[in-house]
């Protein structure tokens, strides 16, 4: 599930439960705050994500259990210490921030290589946590100075312009300009919208505004 603003309405919440195949209260979650560290101006305070006070409150849902996985630490502790923990989780809750930084640490940590084997695990991204799954994010969204380019994991075959009309610069006209350069099918999503991808089927879930910019 690729969201712009998190679990922000009943339709997105219902879609999450459908993907999980069980109630939230019966599901174990791990949150990944790594993308927060990638901004030039410094990270968004991590407690705002972990406590559920931001990002659509998805970490404050009544999960059966919830832990935190910081990807930058994983290379120092070895796969045996963290892979079983990730494999046992029902859902990964992935914070926004800087998508190329998140992509880098997903690869460095080994999580990117592990993802194809997690066939029963639901990925719930918010903002950069969603963009990282796309092939490219466009230069407009690259804020990590060490990023080699705008490429990300490419686990889906479309691009996302998040936070439509949430920020003054995130207008539909700006999204259309961005999409003209991205070279991919692209969706503009406001924070009441999300995209689910399951068994190859792509569906927009929304109680707000969204637009398919190119196809």
Protein backbone atom coordinates (compact mmCIF):
# COMPACT_ATOMS: atom_id res chain seq x y z
CA UNK A 1 0.00 0.00 0.00
CA UNK A 2 1.52 3.28 -1.17
CA UNK A 3 0.03 6.30 0.54
CA UNK A 4 0.67 10.01 0.36
CA UNK A 5 -0.32 10.85 3.92
CA UNK A 6 -0.80 7.55 5.75
CA UNK A 7 -3.96 5.87 7.00
CA UNK A 8 -6.05 9.02 6.81
CA UNK A 9 -9.60 7.79 6.22
CA UNK A 10 -11.92 4.81 6.50
CA UNK A 11 -11.48 3.71 2.88
CA UNK A 12 -7.70 3.45 3.23
CA UNK A 13 -8.12 1.76 6.61
CA UNK A 14 -10.48 -0.84 5.11
CA UNK A 15 -8.07 -1.47 2.23
CA UNK A 16 -5.28 -2.07 4.74
CA UNK A 17 -7.34 -4.65 6.60
CA UNK A 18 -8.16 -6.33 3.29
CA UNK A 19 -4.46 -6.57 2.42
CA UNK A 20 -3.62 -7.92 5.88
CA UNK A 21 -6.38 -10.50 5.75
CA UNK A 22 -6.97 -9.93 9.45
CA UNK A 23 -7.90 -7.09 11.82
CA UNK A 24 -5.19 -4.60 12.77
CA UNK A 25 -5.47 -5.80 16.37
CA UNK A 26 -4.28 -9.25 15.28
CA UNK A 27 -1.34 -8.02 13.19
CA UNK A 28 2.26 -7.35 14.20
CA UNK A 29 3.93 -4.23 12.79
CA UNK A 30 7.45 -2.92 12.40
CA UNK A 31 8.01 0.75 11.62
CA UNK A 32 10.97 1.97 9.59
CA UNK A 33 11.85 5.64 10.24
CA UNK A 34 15.09 5.71 8.19
CA UNK A 35 13.95 8.13 5.46
CA UNK A 36 13.54 10.86 8.07
CA UNK A 37 17.33 11.28 8.26
CA UNK A 38 17.85 12.15 4.60
CA UNK A 39 16.87 15.82 4.50
CA UNK A 40 19.50 18.53 3.90
CA UNK A 41 17.99 20.57 6.73
CA UNK A 42 18.02 17.67 9.20
CA UNK A 43 15.47 15.01 10.03
CA UNK A 44 11.88 15.41 10.99
CA UNK A 45 11.81 14.43 14.69
CA UNK A 46 11.56 10.65 14.78
CA UNK A 47 9.07 10.60 17.69
CA UNK A 48 6.51 12.25 15.42
CA UNK A 49 6.44 9.05 13.36
CA UNK A 50 7.01 6.41 16.01
CA UNK A 51 4.39 7.87 18.36
CA UNK A 52 1.79 8.20 15.62
CA UNK A 53 1.48 11.98 15.93
CA UNK A 54 2.23 12.39 12.23
CA UNK A 55 2.07 10.52 8.93
CA UNK A 56 -1.58 9.63 9.10
CA UNK A 57 -1.29 8.02 12.51
CA UNK A 58 -0.48 4.60 11.09
CA UNK A 59 1.92 3.78 13.93
CA UNK A 60 -0.74 4.63 16.50
CA UNK A 61 -3.25 2.08 15.22
CA UNK A 62 -4.03 -0.66 17.71
CA UNK A 63 -1.53 -3.20 16.40
CA UNK A 64 -1.02 -6.46 18.26
CA UNK A 65 2.62 -5.42 18.60
CA UNK A 66 4.89 -2.80 17.08
CA UNK A 67 8.66 -2.51 16.90
CA UNK A 68 11.15 -0.16 15.25
CA UNK A 69 13.73 -1.13 12.61
CA UNK A 70 16.41 1.46 11.86
CA UNK A 71 18.02 0.38 8.58
CA UNK A 72 21.26 2.29 9.15
CA UNK A 73 22.01 0.03 12.13
CA UNK A 74 21.39 -3.31 10.43
CA UNK A 75 24.76 -3.73 8.66
CA UNK A 76 26.50 -3.59 12.05
CA UNK A 77 24.51 -6.39 13.70
CA UNK A 78 24.30 -9.11 11.04
CA UNK A 79 21.36 -10.64 9.24
CA UNK A 80 20.78 -13.34 11.85
CA UNK A 81 19.81 -10.65 14.35
CA UNK A 82 17.14 -8.91 12.27
CA UNK A 83 15.96 -11.01 9.31
CA UNK A 84 13.80 -13.41 11.39
CA UNK A 85 12.19 -10.42 13.14
CA UNK A 86 11.26 -8.83 9.81
CA UNK A 87 10.04 -12.15 8.41
CA UNK A 88 7.66 -12.58 11.35
CA UNK A 89 6.02 -9.16 10.90
CA UNK A 90 2.67 -8.84 9.20
CA UNK A 91 3.27 -5.25 8.07
CA UNK A 92 6.14 -2.82 7.55
CA UNK A 93 5.20 0.82 8.19
CA UNK A 94 7.64 3.02 6.32
CA UNK A 95 8.01 6.71 7.13
CA UNK A 96 8.34 9.61 4.76
CA UNK A 97 11.44 11.72 4.38
CA UNK A 98 13.99 11.38 1.58
CA UNK A 99 13.34 8.53 -0.84
CA UNK A 100 16.83 8.17 -2.34
CA UNK A 101 18.35 8.01 1.15
CA UNK A 102 15.83 5.34 2.11
CA UNK A 103 16.59 3.45 -1.10
CA UNK A 104 20.32 3.53 -0.34
CA UNK A 105 19.85 2.08 3.12
CA UNK A 106 17.37 -0.52 1.97
CA UNK A 107 20.09 -1.82 -0.32
CA UNK A 108 22.96 -1.42 2.15
CA UNK A 109 21.03 -3.15 4.94
CA UNK A 110 19.90 -6.07 2.79
CA UNK A 111 16.20 -5.31 3.18
CA UNK A 112 15.81 -4.66 -0.55
CA UNK A 113 17.14 -8.15 -1.30
CA UNK A 114 14.86 -9.67 1.31
CA UNK A 115 11.66 -8.03 0.07
CA UNK A 116 10.85 -10.49 -2.78
CA UNK A 117 10.68 -13.33 -0.25
CA UNK A 118 8.23 -11.46 2.00
CA UNK A 119 5.19 -12.49 -0.01
CA UNK A 120 2.81 -12.36 2.96
CA UNK A 121 4.08 -9.06 4.37
CA UNK A 122 2.19 -5.82 3.69
CA UNK A 123 4.29 -2.75 2.92
CA UNK A 124 2.61 0.50 3.95
CA UNK A 125 4.58 3.50 2.79
CA UNK A 126 3.84 7.14 3.43
CA UNK A 127 5.32 9.79 1.12
CA UNK A 128 8.99 8.76 0.59
CA UNK A 129 8.12 5.34 2.00
CA UNK A 130 5.88 4.98 -1.05
CA UNK A 131 8.11 6.74 -3.58
CA UNK A 132 10.99 4.37 -2.83
CA UNK A 133 9.05 1.52 -4.44
CA UNK A 134 8.80 3.35 -7.78
CA UNK A 135 11.46 3.38 -10.53
CA UNK A 136 12.14 7.15 -10.37
CA UNK A 137 11.02 10.05 -8.24
CA UNK A 138 12.14 12.96 -10.43
CA UNK A 139 14.77 15.53 -9.55
CA UNK A 140 12.20 17.69 -7.73
CA UNK A 141 12.01 15.16 -4.89
CA UNK A 142 15.75 14.46 -4.49
CA UNK A 143 16.99 16.21 -1.35
CA UNK A 144 19.82 13.93 -0.22
CA UNK A 145 23.09 15.55 -1.40
CA UNK A 146 24.80 12.17 -1.88
CA UNK A 147 22.09 10.75 -4.16
CA UNK A 148 23.66 9.70 -7.49
CA UNK A 149 20.39 10.29 -9.35
CA UNK A 150 16.62 10.05 -8.83
CA UNK A 151 16.33 6.28 -9.30
CA UNK A 152 14.70 4.15 -6.61
CA UNK A 153 13.83 0.46 -6.25
CA UNK A 154 11.43 0.03 -9.18
CA UNK A 155 9.28 -2.63 -7.52
CA UNK A 156 6.21 -1.06 -9.13
CA UNK A 157 6.06 0.27 -12.69
CA UNK A 158 4.60 3.71 -12.05
CA UNK A 159 5.63 6.97 -10.39
CA UNK A 160 3.93 8.98 -7.64
CA UNK A 161 3.58 12.72 -7.06
CA UNK A 162 2.55 12.92 -3.38
CA UNK A 163 0.81 15.56 -1.25
CA UNK A 164 -1.25 17.03 -4.09
CA UNK A 165 -2.51 20.47 -2.97
CA UNK A 166 -1.18 19.85 0.55
CA UNK A 167 1.77 22.21 0.09
CA UNK A 168 1.65 25.43 -1.98
CA UNK A 169 4.14 24.06 -4.51
CA UNK A 170 2.35 20.72 -4.95
CA UNK A 171 -0.26 21.91 -7.43
CA UNK A 172 -1.78 19.86 -10.21
CA UNK A 173 0.01 22.06 -12.75
CA UNK A 174 3.33 21.29 -11.06
CA UNK A 175 2.47 17.58 -10.99
CA UNK A 176 1.75 17.64 -14.72
CA UNK A 177 5.09 19.37 -15.41
CA UNK A 178 6.86 16.75 -13.26
CA UNK A 179 5.06 13.89 -15.04
CA UNK A 180 6.11 15.16 -18.47
CA UNK A 181 9.76 14.48 -17.52
CA UNK A 182 9.33 11.26 -15.57
CA UNK A 183 8.72 8.95 -18.55
CA UNK A 184 6.42 6.60 -16.64
CA UNK A 185 2.75 6.15 -15.86
CA UNK A 186 2.29 8.54 -12.95
CA UNK A 187 -0.28 9.29 -10.27
CA UNK A 188 -0.79 12.52 -8.36
CA UNK A 189 -2.21 11.74 -4.90
CA UNK A 190 -3.47 13.98 -2.13
CA UNK A 191 -3.20 12.87 1.50
CA UNK A 192 -6.62 11.23 1.42
CA UNK A 193 -5.51 8.90 -1.38
CA UNK A 194 -3.44 5.74 -1.68
CA UNK A 195 -2.55 3.03 -4.19
CA UNK A 196 -2.78 -0.67 -3.44
CA UNK A 197 -0.77 -3.21 -5.41
CA UNK A 198 -1.68 -6.84 -4.87
CA UNK A 199 -0.97 -9.77 -7.19
CA UNK A 200 -0.16 -7.32 -9.97
CA UNK A 201 -3.45 -5.42 -9.66
CA UNK A 202 -3.16 -1.67 -9.09
CA UNK A 203 -6.06 0.20 -7.47
CA UNK A 204 -6.47 3.76 -6.23
CA UNK A 205 -8.27 4.10 -2.88
CA UNK A 206 -9.38 7.65 -2.19
CA UNK A 207 -11.73 9.91 -0.30
CA UNK A 208 -9.95 12.94 -1.73
CA UNK A 209 -8.33 14.00 -5.00
CA UNK A 210 -6.06 12.10 -7.33
CA UNK A 211 -5.24 11.98 -11.02
CA UNK A 212 -3.57 9.58 -13.41
CA UNK A 213 -1.18 11.96 -15.14
CA UNK A 214 0.12 9.66 -17.87
CA UNK A 215 -0.37 6.05 -18.89
